[in-house]
Amino acid sequence: MGLSPQLTLEAAILREGGFVEFGAGGSVAELAYVRLSGNNPPGEHKTLELKIKNETPQLPDDAANYARAKLEELVRRFEDPEEPYRSLVLSMWTARYGDYDNLARVKEWSAAGGIALEEY
């Protein structure tokens, strides 16, 4: 959920009445991926089982609340005009380069020693 919050954010939107067909305030019974294809079988439904720290099961409503809280926290951070838009935020990706890292000159500052992750 942490790096792929799409379903939990959709659940939060649903609970707040963001989908016209459904009223606000409901509960989310399940989060699921649905794969559609022309193969046999033509589709596959896979329920997403969320766990807190790989142990305790997490209810979809709790996951939706958490995703919304994290999104609101992120939005509040970027409301501050002094907050920089960093190209690399998670240390696990510092050795990988993305399509737009050249615009941030990531290779250049990485080769020159760059900014320590603790400061970044």
Protein backbone atom coordinates (compact mmCIF):
# COMPACT_ATOMS: atom_id res chain seq x y z
CA MET A 1 0.00 0.00 0.00
CA GLY A 2 2.78 2.44 0.84
CA LEU A 3 4.21 2.78 -2.66
CA SER A 4 1.02 1.91 -4.55
CA PRO A 5 -1.88 3.64 -2.81
CA GLN A 6 -4.25 3.79 -5.79
CA LEU A 7 -6.85 1.33 -4.48
CA THR A 8 -6.79 2.67 -0.95
CA LEU A 9 -7.15 6.24 -2.24
CA GLU A 10 -10.06 5.15 -4.42
CA ALA A 11 -11.63 3.62 -1.32
CA ALA A 12 -11.18 6.94 0.52
CA ILE A 13 -12.76 8.82 -2.41
CA LEU A 14 -15.67 6.35 -2.46
CA ARG A 15 -16.25 6.73 1.29
CA GLU A 16 -16.36 10.53 0.96
CA GLY A 17 -18.96 10.42 -1.80
CA GLY A 18 -16.58 11.08 -4.67
CA PHE A 19 -18.41 8.66 -6.95
CA VAL A 20 -21.84 10.05 -7.81
CA GLU A 21 -23.48 6.61 -7.94
CA PHE A 22 -22.71 5.97 -4.25
CA GLY A 23 -23.43 8.09 -1.22
CA ALA A 24 -20.81 9.20 1.26
CA GLY A 25 -20.20 7.47 4.56
CA GLY A 26 -20.32 3.86 3.43
CA SER A 27 -17.87 1.14 4.31
CA VAL A 28 -15.53 -0.62 1.90
CA ALA A 29 -15.86 -4.39 2.14
CA GLU A 30 -12.95 -5.33 -0.10
CA LEU A 31 -10.16 -4.00 -2.27
CA ALA A 32 -9.51 -6.03 -5.39
CA TYR A 33 -7.58 -6.05 -8.63
CA VAL A 34 -9.50 -7.14 -11.70
CA ARG A 35 -7.46 -8.29 -14.68
CA LEU A 36 -9.34 -8.35 -17.96
CA SER A 37 -7.96 -10.13 -21.00
CA GLY A 38 -9.05 -11.95 -24.10
CA ASN A 39 -7.50 -15.17 -22.82
CA ASN A 40 -9.17 -18.06 -21.11
CA PRO A 41 -10.31 -17.27 -18.46
CA PRO A 42 -11.25 -13.81 -19.74
CA GLY A 43 -10.86 -12.14 -16.36
CA GLU A 44 -9.39 -12.63 -12.94
CA HIS A 45 -10.53 -11.14 -9.61
CA LYS A 46 -7.84 -10.94 -6.94
CA THR A 47 -8.66 -9.62 -3.47
CA LEU A 48 -5.96 -7.44 -1.99
CA GLU A 49 -5.01 -8.58 1.50
CA LEU A 50 -3.46 -5.70 3.42
CA LYS A 51 -1.26 -6.30 6.43
CA ILE A 52 0.36 -3.93 8.88
CA LYS A 53 4.10 -4.68 9.02
CA ASN A 54 3.43 -8.03 7.28
CA GLU A 55 1.56 -9.39 10.28
CA THR A 56 -1.76 -7.91 11.38
CA PRO A 57 -4.54 -7.84 8.75
CA GLN A 58 -5.77 -4.33 7.96
CA LEU A 59 -9.39 -3.58 7.14
CA PRO A 60 -10.07 -1.73 3.86
CA ASP A 61 -11.66 1.20 5.72
CA ASP A 62 -8.58 1.57 7.92
CA ALA A 63 -6.32 1.42 4.86
CA ALA A 64 -8.47 4.10 3.18
CA ASN A 65 -8.20 6.33 6.24
CA TYR A 66 -4.42 5.87 6.32
CA ALA A 67 -4.03 6.61 2.59
CA ARG A 68 -6.11 9.76 2.90
CA ALA A 69 -4.13 10.95 5.92
CA LYS A 70 -0.83 10.40 4.09
CA LEU A 71 -2.11 12.24 1.01
CA GLU A 72 -3.29 15.18 3.12
CA GLU A 73 0.12 15.25 4.83
CA LEU A 74 1.83 15.37 1.42
CA VAL A 75 -0.46 18.14 0.17
CA ARG A 76 0.22 20.20 3.30
CA ARG A 77 3.97 19.82 2.74
CA PHE A 78 3.70 21.18 -0.79
CA GLU A 79 1.52 24.09 0.30
CA ASP A 80 4.73 25.48 1.77
CA PRO A 81 6.45 27.49 -1.00
CA GLU A 82 9.82 26.67 0.60
CA GLU A 83 9.31 22.91 0.12
CA PRO A 84 11.49 21.70 -2.77
CA TYR A 85 10.25 19.24 -5.35
CA ARG A 86 12.88 16.52 -5.06
CA SER A 87 13.43 14.04 -7.87
CA LEU A 88 14.66 11.28 -5.55
CA VAL A 89 12.90 10.96 -2.24
CA LEU A 90 13.21 7.30 -1.30
CA SER A 91 16.72 6.05 -0.64
CA MET A 92 15.94 2.69 -2.26
CA TRP A 93 15.83 4.42 -5.66
CA THR A 94 19.02 6.47 -5.44
CA ALA A 95 20.96 4.01 -7.62
CA ARG A 96 18.27 3.99 -10.35
CA TYR A 97 17.61 6.69 -12.87
CA GLY A 98 14.24 7.64 -14.29
CA ASP A 99 13.19 9.27 -17.54
CA TYR A 100 13.23 12.78 -16.07
CA ASP A 101 16.27 12.59 -13.81
CA ASN A 102 18.37 14.32 -16.46
CA LEU A 103 16.25 17.44 -15.90
CA ALA A 104 17.18 17.35 -12.22
CA ARG A 105 20.81 16.64 -13.16
CA VAL A 106 20.77 13.58 -10.87
CA LYS A 107 23.73 11.86 -12.52
CA GLU A 108 25.78 15.05 -12.31
CA TRP A 109 25.27 15.72 -8.62
CA SER A 110 25.47 12.01 -7.76
CA ALA A 111 28.89 11.71 -9.42
CA ALA A 112 30.11 14.81 -7.60
CA GLY A 113 29.09 13.49 -4.20
CA GLY A 114 25.70 15.19 -4.22
CA ILE A 115 23.69 15.80 -1.12
CA ALA A 116 23.72 13.30 1.72
CA LEU A 117 20.42 11.46 1.99
CA GLU A 118 20.06 12.62 5.58
CA GLU A 119 20.10 16.22 4.34
CA TYR A 120 18.00 15.50 1.25
